């Protein structure tokens, strides 16, 4: 049985003598000079040791026992950290001025879907969260038709705040770490053939004639022509192309200056890229903005990529309109519910096509990386590629018919 003792010669505090779960008897200072308070602390330690011996010990029971002691000695209890409150506060804290709103929306969506999955347990203390809760959420996501990659990303996102909670001592272990990975055959992005590119450009020209019906103007079709040429000619991503302004376009020096959105938070240095001949002719033929801030493609500038009416879907419609098979990769069994269908051909396939064309033309890996903006620490340290060398490499790309 636990007991308290005082050694006035060494310390003003009462000491607690009790047995640990391994049956060792220890003597520890309670940090209390009041006898009643010291006895309450000592009894709390003894109970925790007995609970551990009987395998009843957990952070939750320890918190309750500790709070009971704090109540006796008239101190504020240790508050519970609730699952829902903690996770919601976590994604709110991520919403900083530098954060991408798409990332914040993704975090919020995953957290809210998880909290809906565990129902009333969202009001329970954080330390009660178990691997089974995360596994159940994963299985519900799969049953709803979500792609394996999407489900794996959701679990990865949940690991972030739970790892933070573990580091802060709010939980002992991260239950999301014990959740198994969903395996699935990888979806492969395809490339457009030269014939496909000609069909896309022809479709864009047809769209422009339909938009204008013989009237002078600058319709979406002719804007798509420029977007396509940027994708297949420079490997430019959809958002990067859509958000170009005339300040990015150097017609006299035949150069495009831009910082890719994907790396803009990390690397803000602008690297010039030479225009292909088709791109220079294209930019010279369309109405130039009065100021550098005027968008090159006003119909697409700052528009969302995703969603039913996003730029990705609009380009997908253009592919279908051009009579090109989008090469669906999701197999014979179509996804239902919230499942995402994956197609081999999309705007990003133009980037794959550009890289493949450069490789097939004998352009070195280092040069290809420099042109399309792929990053590598080793290449950055040892490779310095001139604008003229890039121009010579781009001259090797296939040539496409100009608009009439």
Protein backbone atom coordinates (compact mmCIF):
# COMPACT_ATOMS: atom_id res chain seq x y z
CA UNK A 1 0.00 0.00 0.00
CA UNK A 2 1.25 3.48 -0.84
CA UNK A 3 2.44 5.73 1.95
CA UNK A 4 3.84 9.23 2.31
CA UNK A 5 6.99 10.28 4.17
CA UNK A 6 8.85 13.47 4.92
CA UNK A 7 12.58 14.04 5.26
CA UNK A 8 12.86 17.50 6.77
CA UNK A 9 16.61 17.40 6.50
CA UNK A 10 16.64 17.17 2.69
CA UNK A 11 13.43 18.58 1.20
CA UNK A 12 10.27 20.46 2.25
CA UNK A 13 8.15 18.12 0.08
CA UNK A 14 6.37 14.93 1.04
CA UNK A 15 7.60 11.72 -0.62
CA UNK A 16 5.43 8.89 -1.93
CA UNK A 17 6.45 5.25 -1.48
CA UNK A 18 4.61 2.86 -3.82
CA UNK A 19 5.16 -0.15 -6.09
CA UNK A 20 5.62 0.09 -9.86
CA UNK A 21 3.94 -2.43 -12.22
CA UNK A 22 7.17 -4.50 -12.19
CA UNK A 23 6.86 -4.76 -8.36
CA UNK A 24 9.79 -2.42 -7.65
CA UNK A 25 9.16 -0.15 -4.68
CA UNK A 26 10.12 3.49 -5.30
CA UNK A 27 10.23 6.69 -3.30
CA UNK A 28 9.39 9.86 -5.23
CA UNK A 29 8.78 13.46 -4.32
CA UNK A 30 5.16 14.59 -4.69
CA UNK A 31 6.20 18.22 -5.05
CA UNK A 32 3.64 19.06 -2.32
CA UNK A 33 4.29 20.48 1.14
CA UNK A 34 0.67 19.95 2.25
CA UNK A 35 0.16 16.46 3.70
CA UNK A 36 -3.38 15.93 2.35
CA UNK A 37 -2.44 17.04 -1.15
CA UNK A 38 0.67 14.85 -1.09
CA UNK A 39 -1.41 11.85 -0.03
CA UNK A 40 -3.86 12.46 -2.92
CA UNK A 41 -0.97 12.59 -5.42
CA UNK A 42 0.51 9.41 -3.96
CA UNK A 43 -2.79 7.55 -4.16
CA UNK A 44 -3.17 8.63 -7.79
CA UNK A 45 0.26 7.23 -8.66
CA UNK A 46 -0.54 3.97 -6.94
CA UNK A 47 -3.84 3.59 -8.82
CA UNK A 48 -2.12 4.24 -12.15
CA UNK A 49 0.49 1.58 -11.34
CA UNK A 50 -2.22 -0.95 -10.44
CA UNK A 51 -4.19 -0.16 -13.63
CA UNK A 52 -1.07 -0.70 -15.69
CA UNK A 53 -0.42 -4.03 -13.94
CA UNK A 54 -3.99 -5.14 -14.74
CA UNK A 55 -3.63 -3.87 -18.36
CA UNK A 56 -6.33 -1.28 -17.78
CA UNK A 57 -3.99 1.65 -18.29
CA UNK A 58 -4.47 4.08 -21.17
CA UNK A 59 -3.94 7.78 -21.75
CA UNK A 60 -7.66 8.26 -21.19
CA UNK A 61 -7.71 6.49 -17.80
CA UNK A 62 -4.47 8.23 -16.82
CA UNK A 63 -6.04 11.60 -17.66
CA UNK A 64 -9.09 10.79 -15.54
CA UNK A 65 -6.94 9.67 -12.63
CA UNK A 66 -4.71 12.70 -12.88
CA UNK A 67 -7.73 15.02 -13.06
CA UNK A 68 -9.14 13.39 -9.93
CA UNK A 69 -5.89 14.19 -8.14
CA UNK A 70 -5.92 17.76 -9.47
CA UNK A 71 -9.47 18.20 -8.18
CA UNK A 72 -8.46 17.09 -4.68
CA UNK A 73 -5.53 19.48 -4.57
CA UNK A 74 -7.75 22.25 -5.99
CA UNK A 75 -5.98 22.74 -9.32
CA UNK A 76 -7.42 23.12 -12.82
CA UNK A 77 -8.12 19.76 -14.50
CA UNK A 78 -6.29 18.73 -17.66
CA UNK A 79 -8.77 19.34 -20.52
CA UNK A 80 -9.64 16.63 -23.02
CA UNK A 81 -8.47 17.16 -26.59
CA UNK A 82 -11.50 16.16 -28.67
CA UNK A 83 -11.11 14.52 -32.09
CA UNK A 84 -13.39 16.86 -34.03
CA UNK A 85 -12.16 20.04 -32.37
CA UNK A 86 -8.51 19.14 -32.86
CA UNK A 87 -8.77 18.12 -36.52
CA UNK A 88 -10.89 21.14 -37.47
CA UNK A 89 -8.51 23.50 -35.71
CA UNK A 90 -5.62 21.84 -37.55
CA UNK A 91 -6.93 22.56 -41.05
CA UNK A 92 -7.89 26.11 -40.03
CA UNK A 93 -4.31 26.66 -38.83
CA UNK A 94 -3.00 25.60 -42.26
CA UNK A 95 -4.89 28.46 -43.96
CA UNK A 96 -2.00 30.91 -43.99
CA UNK A 97 -1.42 33.70 -46.55
CA UNK A 98 1.15 31.52 -48.38
CA UNK A 99 -1.03 28.39 -48.46
CA UNK A 100 -2.72 27.24 -51.67
CA UNK A 101 -6.50 27.34 -51.30
CA UNK A 102 -6.85 24.11 -53.27
CA UNK A 103 -4.72 22.39 -50.62
CA UNK A 104 -6.76 23.88 -47.78
CA UNK A 105 -10.00 22.76 -49.43
CA UNK A 106 -8.57 19.28 -49.81
CA UNK A 107 -7.55 19.16 -46.12
CA UNK A 108 -10.97 20.37 -45.01
CA UNK A 109 -12.79 17.91 -47.26
CA UNK A 110 -10.81 14.92 -45.97
CA UNK A 111 -11.21 15.91 -42.31
CA UNK A 112 -14.95 16.53 -42.61
CA UNK A 113 -15.50 13.25 -44.46
CA UNK A 114 -13.53 11.43 -41.77
CA UNK A 115 -15.50 13.07 -38.94
CA UNK A 116 -18.75 12.13 -40.69
CA UNK A 117 -17.43 8.57 -40.91
CA UNK A 118 -16.85 8.24 -37.16
CA UNK A 119 -20.12 10.01 -36.26
CA UNK A 120 -20.65 10.76 -32.56
CA UNK A 121 -17.13 9.54 -31.78
CA UNK A 122 -15.90 12.88 -33.14
CA UNK A 123 -16.77 14.31 -29.70
CA UNK A 124 -14.56 11.75 -27.92
CA UNK A 125 -11.02 12.48 -26.67
CA UNK A 126 -8.32 12.30 -29.33
CA UNK A 127 -6.50 9.47 -27.57
CA UNK A 128 -9.54 7.17 -28.06
CA UNK A 129 -9.00 7.19 -31.83
CA UNK A 130 -8.02 3.74 -33.08
CA UNK A 131 -6.62 2.13 -36.22
CA UNK A 132 -10.04 0.53 -36.75
CA UNK A 133 -11.60 4.01 -37.10
CA UNK A 134 -9.18 4.94 -39.90
CA UNK A 135 -9.57 1.53 -41.59
CA UNK A 136 -13.35 1.90 -41.51
CA UNK A 137 -13.07 5.34 -43.11
CA UNK A 138 -10.79 3.91 -45.82
CA UNK A 139 -13.25 1.11 -46.60
CA UNK A 140 -16.19 3.54 -46.77
CA UNK A 141 -14.26 5.68 -49.24
CA UNK A 142 -13.55 2.68 -51.46
CA UNK A 143 -17.17 1.53 -51.24
CA UNK A 144 -18.29 5.00 -52.33
CA UNK A 145 -16.31 4.45 -55.54
CA UNK A 146 -13.28 6.61 -54.88
CA UNK A 147 -10.10 5.67 -56.72
CA UNK A 148 -7.39 3.88 -54.69
CA UNK A 149 -4.99 6.78 -55.21
CA UNK A 150 -7.57 9.23 -53.83
CA UNK A 151 -8.18 7.04 -50.78
CA UNK A 152 -4.44 6.68 -50.12
CA UNK A 153 -4.07 10.46 -50.33
CA UNK A 154 -6.87 10.91 -47.77
CA UNK A 155 -5.12 8.60 -45.30
CA UNK A 156 -1.84 10.41 -45.96
CA UNK A 157 -3.51 13.73 -45.13
CA UNK A 158 -4.96 12.35 -41.87
CA UNK A 159 -1.48 11.23 -40.82
CA UNK A 160 -0.27 14.86 -40.84
CA UNK A 161 -2.36 16.27 -37.93
CA UNK A 162 -2.14 12.99 -36.00
CA UNK A 163 1.66 13.01 -36.28
CA UNK A 164 1.60 16.57 -35.01
CA UNK A 165 -0.56 15.49 -32.07
CA UNK A 166 1.91 12.70 -31.27
CA UNK A 167 4.86 15.11 -31.34
CA UNK A 168 2.99 17.47 -29.00
CA UNK A 169 2.30 14.64 -26.57
CA UNK A 170 -1.48 14.69 -27.08
CA UNK A 171 -1.45 11.02 -28.18
CA UNK A 172 1.13 8.27 -27.75
CA UNK A 173 0.88 6.77 -31.24
CA UNK A 174 -0.53 7.77 -34.63
CA UNK A 175 -3.35 5.33 -35.53
CA UNK A 176 -3.24 6.34 -39.21
CA UNK A 177 0.29 4.91 -39.46
CA UNK A 178 -1.11 1.43 -38.97
CA UNK A 179 -3.57 1.62 -41.87
CA UNK A 180 -2.68 -0.50 -44.90
CA UNK A 181 -2.03 1.03 -48.32
CA UNK A 182 -4.60 0.42 -51.07
CA UNK A 183 -2.84 -1.25 -53.97
CA UNK A 184 -4.02 -0.65 -57.52
CA UNK A 185 -2.61 -0.91 -61.01
CA UNK A 186 -1.12 2.49 -61.90
CA UNK A 187 -2.91 4.59 -64.50
CA UNK A 188 -0.65 5.61 -67.36
CA UNK A 189 -0.79 8.97 -69.10
CA UNK A 190 -0.58 8.57 -72.89
CA UNK A 191 0.90 10.76 -75.63
CA UNK A 192 -0.75 12.32 -78.67
CA UNK A 193 0.42 11.25 -82.12
CA UNK A 194 1.36 13.92 -84.66
CA UNK A 195 -1.89 13.11 -86.44
CA UNK A 196 -3.80 13.72 -83.17
CA UNK A 197 -2.13 17.14 -82.74
CA UNK A 198 -3.20 18.14 -86.25
CA UNK A 199 -6.76 17.06 -85.43
CA UNK A 200 -6.74 19.10 -82.19
CA UNK A 201 -5.50 22.21 -84.02
CA UNK A 202 -8.06 21.71 -86.79
CA UNK A 203 -10.82 21.38 -84.19
CA UNK A 204 -9.64 24.57 -82.48
CA UNK A 205 -9.72 26.41 -85.83
CA UNK A 206 -13.24 25.11 -86.50
CA UNK A 207 -14.35 26.26 -83.04
CA UNK A 208 -12.96 29.71 -83.77
CA UNK A 209 -14.87 29.97 -87.05
CA UNK A 210 -18.05 28.86 -85.28
CA UNK A 211 -17.49 31.37 -82.48
CA UNK A 212 -17.01 34.30 -84.84
CA UNK A 213 -19.18 33.25 -87.79
CA UNK A 214 -17.04 35.25 -90.20
CA UNK A 215 -16.70 38.28 -87.90
CA UNK A 216 -13.36 39.66 -86.78
CA UNK A 217 -12.47 38.71 -83.25
CA UNK A 218 -10.50 36.55 -80.89
CA UNK A 219 -12.64 33.54 -79.96
CA UNK A 220 -12.01 30.56 -77.67
CA UNK A 221 -11.00 28.36 -80.58
CA UNK A 222 -7.99 30.46 -81.54
CA UNK A 223 -7.09 30.67 -77.86
CA UNK A 224 -7.15 26.87 -77.63
CA UNK A 225 -4.77 26.77 -80.62
CA UNK A 226 -2.25 28.79 -78.60
CA UNK A 227 -2.75 26.63 -75.51
CA UNK A 228 -2.18 23.46 -77.54
CA UNK A 229 1.00 24.85 -79.09
CA UNK A 230 2.33 25.78 -75.66
CA UNK A 231 1.58 22.31 -74.33
CA UNK A 232 3.10 20.33 -77.20
CA UNK A 233 5.84 22.84 -78.00
CA UNK A 234 7.15 23.73 -74.52
CA UNK A 235 5.51 21.11 -72.30
CA UNK A 236 3.64 23.85 -70.45
CA UNK A 237 1.05 22.81 -67.88
CA UNK A 238 -2.60 23.83 -68.29
CA UNK A 239 -2.72 26.41 -65.51
CA UNK A 240 0.64 27.92 -66.47
CA UNK A 241 -0.52 28.40 -70.07
CA UNK A 242 -3.96 29.74 -69.11
CA UNK A 243 -2.53 32.36 -66.73
CA UNK A 244 0.05 33.89 -69.07
CA UNK A 245 -0.11 37.66 -69.52
CA UNK A 246 1.53 39.76 -72.22
CA UNK A 247 4.25 40.58 -69.70
CA UNK A 248 5.38 36.96 -70.07
CA UNK A 249 5.65 37.18 -73.84
CA UNK A 250 8.81 38.61 -75.39
CA UNK A 251 8.01 38.81 -79.10
CA UNK A 252 11.15 40.66 -80.15
CA UNK A 253 13.55 38.23 -78.47
CA UNK A 254 11.15 35.31 -79.18
CA UNK A 255 11.15 34.23 -75.55
CA UNK A 256 8.53 33.36 -72.92
CA UNK A 257 9.32 34.19 -69.29
CA UNK A 258 7.22 32.50 -66.57
CA UNK A 259 7.43 30.80 -63.17
CA UNK A 260 5.57 27.45 -63.05
CA UNK A 261 2.71 27.49 -60.52
CA UNK A 262 3.80 24.09 -59.21
CA UNK A 263 7.13 25.43 -57.94
CA UNK A 264 6.28 29.10 -57.43
CA UNK A 265 6.13 28.78 -53.61
CA UNK A 266 9.59 27.19 -53.49
CA UNK A 267 11.43 28.66 -56.46
CA UNK A 268 10.41 32.09 -57.68
CA UNK A 269 13.20 32.58 -60.26
CA UNK A 270 11.90 33.16 -63.78
CA UNK A 271 13.67 31.13 -66.47
CA UNK A 272 13.34 32.20 -70.12
CA UNK A 273 12.25 29.68 -72.76
CA UNK A 274 12.61 30.23 -76.51
CA UNK A 275 9.43 30.11 -78.57
CA UNK A 276 9.02 27.53 -81.29
CA UNK A 277 8.48 29.01 -84.76
CA UNK A 278 4.78 28.09 -84.57
CA UNK A 279 4.43 29.89 -81.24
CA UNK A 280 6.15 33.05 -82.50
CA UNK A 281 3.87 33.17 -85.54
CA UNK A 282 0.87 32.55 -83.32
CA UNK A 283 1.64 35.32 -80.80
CA UNK A 284 2.44 37.73 -83.63
CA UNK A 285 -0.95 37.07 -85.21
CA UNK A 286 -3.25 37.63 -82.23
CA UNK A 287 -4.29 40.98 -80.66
CA UNK A 288 -1.72 42.10 -78.12
CA UNK A 289 -2.84 43.57 -74.81
CA UNK A 290 -2.34 47.26 -74.12
CA UNK A 291 -0.44 46.55 -70.89
CA UNK A 292 1.72 43.68 -69.63
CA UNK A 293 -1.02 42.67 -67.17
CA UNK A 294 -3.53 41.84 -69.92
CA UNK A 295 -4.07 38.05 -70.18
CA UNK A 296 -2.99 36.32 -73.38
CA UNK A 297 -5.97 33.96 -73.17
CA UNK A 298 -8.82 36.01 -71.66
CA UNK A 299 -11.32 33.14 -71.89
CA UNK A 300 -9.13 30.93 -69.70
CA UNK A 301 -7.26 33.35 -67.44
CA UNK A 302 -7.48 32.43 -63.72
CA UNK A 303 -10.22 29.89 -64.43
CA UNK A 304 -10.45 26.67 -62.42
CA UNK A 305 -8.85 23.57 -63.92
CA UNK A 306 -11.14 21.02 -62.30
CA UNK A 307 -14.89 20.59 -62.05
CA UNK A 308 -17.68 20.07 -64.54
CA UNK A 309 -16.99 23.38 -66.28
CA UNK A 310 -13.24 23.57 -65.57
CA UNK A 311 -10.54 23.94 -68.20
CA UNK A 312 -9.62 20.25 -68.04
CA UNK A 313 -13.15 19.20 -68.95
CA UNK A 314 -13.37 21.84 -71.69
CA UNK A 315 -10.20 20.48 -73.26
CA UNK A 316 -11.55 16.94 -72.89
CA UNK A 317 -14.58 18.04 -74.92
CA UNK A 318 -12.21 19.41 -77.55
CA UNK A 319 -10.43 16.03 -77.75
CA UNK A 320 -13.74 14.22 -78.25
CA UNK A 321 -14.84 16.84 -80.79
CA UNK A 322 -11.64 16.21 -82.74
CA UNK A 323 -12.59 12.54 -83.03
CA UNK A 324 -9.77 11.31 -80.75
CA UNK A 325 -10.26 8.42 -78.32
CA UNK A 326 -9.40 9.64 -74.83
CA UNK A 327 -8.24 6.11 -73.86
CA UNK A 328 -10.04 5.56 -70.57
CA UNK A 329 -7.85 3.69 -68.07
CA UNK A 330 -10.47 2.76 -65.45
CA UNK A 331 -11.29 -0.54 -67.16
CA UNK A 332 -14.55 -2.26 -68.04
CA UNK A 333 -16.00 -1.81 -64.55
CA UNK A 334 -16.90 1.89 -64.39
CA UNK A 335 -16.55 3.74 -61.11
CA UNK A 336 -19.77 4.66 -59.37
CA UNK A 337 -20.63 7.22 -56.73
CA UNK A 338 -17.66 9.51 -56.09
CA UNK A 339 -15.25 7.53 -58.24
CA UNK A 340 -13.03 9.43 -60.65
CA UNK A 341 -12.59 8.14 -64.17
CA UNK A 342 -9.05 8.30 -65.51
CA UNK A 343 -8.29 8.96 -69.17
CA UNK A 344 -4.96 8.46 -70.87
CA UNK A 345 -5.31 11.62 -72.96
CA UNK A 346 -5.85 15.07 -71.48
CA UNK A 347 -4.12 18.45 -71.60
CA UNK A 348 -1.22 17.12 -69.51
CA UNK A 349 -0.65 14.52 -72.23
CA UNK A 350 0.63 17.39 -74.39
CA UNK A 351 3.47 17.76 -71.88
CA UNK A 352 4.22 14.03 -72.13
CA UNK A 353 4.10 14.36 -75.91
CA UNK A 354 6.57 17.26 -75.88
CA UNK A 355 9.06 15.36 -73.71
CA UNK A 356 8.69 12.19 -75.80
CA UNK A 357 9.19 14.11 -79.06
CA UNK A 358 12.34 15.73 -77.67
CA UNK A 359 13.67 12.36 -76.52
CA UNK A 360 12.88 10.73 -79.84
CA UNK A 361 14.73 13.55 -81.59
CA UNK A 362 17.89 12.77 -79.62
CA UNK A 363 17.65 15.67 -77.16
CA UNK A 364 19.52 14.87 -73.93
CA UNK A 365 17.76 14.26 -70.64
CA UNK A 366 19.33 17.38 -69.12
CA UNK A 367 18.09 19.52 -72.00
CA UNK A 368 14.58 18.04 -71.79
CA UNK A 369 14.48 18.78 -68.06
CA UNK A 370 15.61 22.35 -68.64
CA UNK A 371 12.94 22.96 -71.29
CA UNK A 372 9.92 21.53 -69.44
CA UNK A 373 10.99 22.70 -65.98
CA UNK A 374 11.64 19.37 -64.28
CA UNK A 375 13.87 19.83 -61.25
CA UNK A 376 16.90 17.89 -60.03
CA UNK A 377 19.51 18.99 -57.50
CA UNK A 378 22.35 17.31 -59.40
CA UNK A 379 21.34 18.83 -62.74
CA UNK A 380 20.99 22.26 -61.13
CA UNK A 381 24.53 22.01 -59.73
CA UNK A 382 26.36 20.75 -62.78
CA UNK A 383 24.27 21.69 -65.82
CA UNK A 384 24.11 25.18 -67.32
CA UNK A 385 22.11 25.34 -70.53
CA UNK A 386 22.06 28.41 -72.76
CA UNK A 387 18.99 29.92 -74.44
CA UNK A 388 20.52 29.25 -77.88
CA UNK A 389 21.02 25.58 -77.04
CA UNK A 390 17.38 25.31 -75.97
CA UNK A 391 16.29 27.01 -79.19
CA UNK A 392 18.29 24.53 -81.29
CA UNK A 393 16.70 21.62 -79.43
CA UNK A 394 13.16 22.96 -79.91
CA UNK A 395 13.79 23.38 -83.65
CA UNK A 396 13.83 19.58 -83.85
CA UNK A 397 10.15 19.28 -82.92
CA UNK A 398 7.50 18.40 -85.55
CA UNK A 399 5.92 21.38 -87.35
CA UNK A 400 2.15 21.89 -87.51
CA UNK A 401 -0.06 23.65 -89.99
CA UNK A 402 -0.85 27.29 -89.38
CA UNK A 403 -4.37 28.61 -89.04
CA UNK A 404 -5.88 29.85 -92.27
